[in-house]
């Protein structure tokens, strides 16, 4: 088993940490586990805002992950200034997240701030917030994007492009 210091660390961010970022976290964890490199990663998610801190993800996010055999049992938390020096990669889900992350990042932070959708081979750059949708279709789309972006990021990382 690898030492915690040897691990790459990734943090997934969305507005409330109950829809998109938990799905991205769960999918990324499942992806690295399926690739046999899960022990080399530490993965978490967090919110820009503090409205849902301590709460589980939206039931539609949980249902979507369960449907695809993505285990998840985390609760919402808000990003901290320490996260910018702890994590290697911090992924935002949309331009608004990226603007907030760039504003909050302390000078000299080690984390690379990346738009998760930039790693979608289909070019679907924005992972839209499905929170206000009346059904689960937006959550399924978010899941599919997270699968593509996780693989796309890992492919680029291995190729030395990140």
Protein backbone atom coordinates (compact mmCIF):
# COMPACT_ATOMS: atom_id res chain seq x y z
CA UNK A 1 0.00 0.00 0.00
CA UNK A 2 1.32 3.44 -0.87
CA UNK A 3 2.13 6.16 1.61
CA UNK A 4 -0.38 9.04 1.77
CA UNK A 5 2.37 11.40 0.60
CA UNK A 6 2.74 9.41 -2.64
CA UNK A 7 -0.91 9.84 -3.53
CA UNK A 8 -2.25 12.25 -6.09
CA UNK A 9 -5.07 14.32 -4.65
CA UNK A 10 -8.14 15.50 -6.56
CA UNK A 11 -11.00 17.69 -5.33
CA UNK A 12 -14.24 18.17 -7.26
CA UNK A 13 -16.17 21.42 -6.77
CA UNK A 14 -19.69 22.56 -7.57
CA UNK A 15 -21.99 25.17 -6.09
CA UNK A 16 -23.58 23.14 -3.27
CA UNK A 17 -21.73 19.79 -3.21
CA UNK A 18 -24.96 17.80 -3.49
CA UNK A 19 -25.33 17.17 -7.24
CA UNK A 20 -22.43 17.45 -9.68
CA UNK A 21 -19.31 17.25 -7.52
CA UNK A 22 -20.43 14.15 -5.56
CA UNK A 23 -21.17 12.39 -8.87
CA UNK A 24 -17.77 13.47 -10.24
CA UNK A 25 -16.04 12.33 -7.03
CA UNK A 26 -17.78 8.94 -7.05
CA UNK A 27 -17.21 8.34 -10.75
CA UNK A 28 -13.53 9.36 -10.58
CA UNK A 29 -13.00 7.06 -7.57
CA UNK A 30 -14.68 4.17 -9.38
CA UNK A 31 -12.65 4.88 -12.52
CA UNK A 32 -9.27 4.78 -10.74
CA UNK A 33 -10.38 1.72 -8.74
CA UNK A 34 -11.41 -0.07 -11.94
CA UNK A 35 -8.00 0.82 -13.44
CA UNK A 36 -6.26 -0.68 -10.40
CA UNK A 37 -4.78 2.66 -9.31
CA UNK A 38 -7.27 3.63 -6.60
CA UNK A 39 -4.59 3.30 -3.91
CA UNK A 40 -2.63 6.07 -5.62
CA UNK A 41 -5.41 8.64 -5.35
CA UNK A 42 -7.16 10.60 -2.61
CA UNK A 43 -10.43 12.03 -3.88
CA UNK A 44 -13.01 14.33 -2.31
CA UNK A 45 -15.60 16.93 -3.26
CA UNK A 46 -16.70 20.25 -1.80
CA UNK A 47 -18.98 23.23 -2.35
CA UNK A 48 -18.42 26.86 -3.20
CA UNK A 49 -21.31 27.79 -0.88
CA UNK A 50 -22.14 26.50 2.57
CA UNK A 51 -25.90 25.94 2.24
CA UNK A 52 -25.82 22.13 2.34
CA UNK A 53 -22.83 21.45 4.63
CA UNK A 54 -23.30 18.12 6.43
CA UNK A 55 -26.09 16.96 4.13
CA UNK A 56 -25.97 13.91 1.85
CA UNK A 57 -26.20 14.43 -1.93
CA UNK A 58 -29.53 15.08 -3.62
CA UNK A 59 -31.53 11.83 -3.80
CA UNK A 60 -31.43 11.96 -7.61
CA UNK A 61 -27.61 12.07 -7.54
CA UNK A 62 -27.56 9.10 -5.15
CA UNK A 63 -30.06 7.17 -7.30
CA UNK A 64 -28.01 7.84 -10.43
CA UNK A 65 -24.80 6.64 -8.77
CA UNK A 66 -26.54 3.56 -7.35
CA UNK A 67 -27.95 2.73 -10.80
CA UNK A 68 -24.37 2.68 -12.15
CA UNK A 69 -22.85 0.83 -9.17
CA UNK A 70 -20.92 3.89 -7.98
CA UNK A 71 -20.62 3.66 -4.18
CA UNK A 72 -20.96 6.95 -2.30
CA UNK A 73 -21.38 7.85 1.36
CA UNK A 74 -19.91 11.33 1.79
CA UNK A 75 -21.66 14.49 2.96
CA UNK A 76 -21.38 18.06 1.72
CA UNK A 77 -18.62 20.35 2.89
CA UNK A 78 -17.39 23.77 1.83
CA UNK A 79 -14.00 24.36 0.23
CA UNK A 80 -11.33 25.80 2.55
CA UNK A 81 -8.19 27.82 1.82
CA UNK A 82 -6.15 24.79 2.96
CA UNK A 83 -7.64 22.73 0.12
CA UNK A 84 -5.68 24.83 -2.39
CA UNK A 85 -2.36 23.70 -0.91
CA UNK A 86 -3.43 20.14 -0.04
CA UNK A 87 -4.88 18.99 -3.38
CA UNK A 88 -2.95 18.58 -6.63
CA UNK A 89 -6.00 19.13 -8.82
CA UNK A 90 -9.20 21.06 -8.11
CA UNK A 91 -11.91 20.63 -10.73
CA UNK A 92 -14.78 23.07 -11.23
CA UNK A 93 -17.94 22.03 -13.05
CA UNK A 94 -18.70 25.32 -14.84
CA UNK A 95 -17.29 28.80 -15.54
CA UNK A 96 -18.90 30.25 -12.42
CA UNK A 97 -17.17 27.63 -10.24
CA UNK A 98 -13.87 28.44 -11.95
CA UNK A 99 -14.29 32.16 -11.37
CA UNK A 100 -15.01 31.53 -7.67
CA UNK A 101 -12.07 29.12 -7.35
CA UNK A 102 -9.66 31.56 -8.99
CA UNK A 103 -10.89 34.32 -6.68
CA UNK A 104 -10.48 32.18 -3.53
CA UNK A 105 -7.14 30.56 -4.37
CA UNK A 106 -4.39 31.92 -2.11
CA UNK A 107 -1.26 33.16 -3.88
CA UNK A 108 1.23 30.38 -4.48
CA UNK A 109 -1.29 27.54 -4.18
CA UNK A 110 -0.04 24.20 -5.45
CA UNK A 111 -3.40 22.99 -6.78
CA UNK A 112 -4.03 23.17 -10.51
CA UNK A 113 -7.49 24.67 -11.04
CA UNK A 114 -9.13 22.88 -13.95
CA UNK A 115 -12.53 22.88 -15.64
CA UNK A 116 -13.55 19.21 -15.49
CA UNK A 117 -15.42 19.46 -18.79
CA UNK A 118 -12.20 20.42 -20.61
CA UNK A 119 -11.37 16.71 -20.45
CA UNK A 120 -14.56 15.58 -22.21
CA UNK A 121 -13.53 14.06 -25.56
CA UNK A 122 -16.99 15.03 -26.88
CA UNK A 123 -16.23 18.70 -26.13
CA UNK A 124 -19.14 19.14 -23.71
CA UNK A 125 -17.22 21.59 -21.48
CA UNK A 126 -19.90 22.69 -19.01
CA UNK A 127 -21.39 20.24 -16.54
CA UNK A 128 -24.77 21.87 -16.01
CA UNK A 129 -26.34 21.96 -12.56
CA UNK A 130 -29.39 19.63 -12.60
CA UNK A 131 -30.59 20.69 -9.11
CA UNK A 132 -33.72 22.53 -10.30
CA UNK A 133 -34.71 19.90 -12.88
CA UNK A 134 -38.04 18.15 -12.35
CA UNK A 135 -36.59 14.73 -13.22
CA UNK A 136 -33.31 12.79 -13.15
CA UNK A 137 -32.25 13.24 -16.79
CA UNK A 138 -29.78 16.01 -15.92
CA UNK A 139 -28.20 13.79 -13.27
CA UNK A 140 -27.76 11.00 -15.81
CA UNK A 141 -26.15 13.47 -18.23
CA UNK A 142 -23.86 14.65 -15.41
CA UNK A 143 -22.89 11.02 -14.72
CA UNK A 144 -22.10 10.34 -18.39
CA UNK A 145 -20.01 13.53 -18.60
CA UNK A 146 -18.14 12.56 -15.40
CA UNK A 147 -17.30 9.15 -16.89
CA UNK A 148 -15.91 10.74 -20.07
CA UNK A 149 -14.07 13.53 -18.21
CA UNK A 150 -12.52 11.13 -15.68
CA UNK A 151 -11.11 8.93 -18.44
CA UNK A 152 -10.12 11.96 -20.52
CA UNK A 153 -8.24 13.56 -17.62
CA UNK A 154 -6.44 10.34 -16.69
CA UNK A 155 -5.45 9.76 -20.33
CA UNK A 156 -4.01 13.28 -20.54
CA UNK A 157 -2.27 12.89 -17.18
CA UNK A 158 -0.57 9.66 -18.31
CA UNK A 159 0.41 11.37 -21.58
CA UNK A 160 2.02 14.20 -19.59
CA UNK A 161 -0.37 16.83 -20.92
CA UNK A 162 -1.67 17.96 -17.52
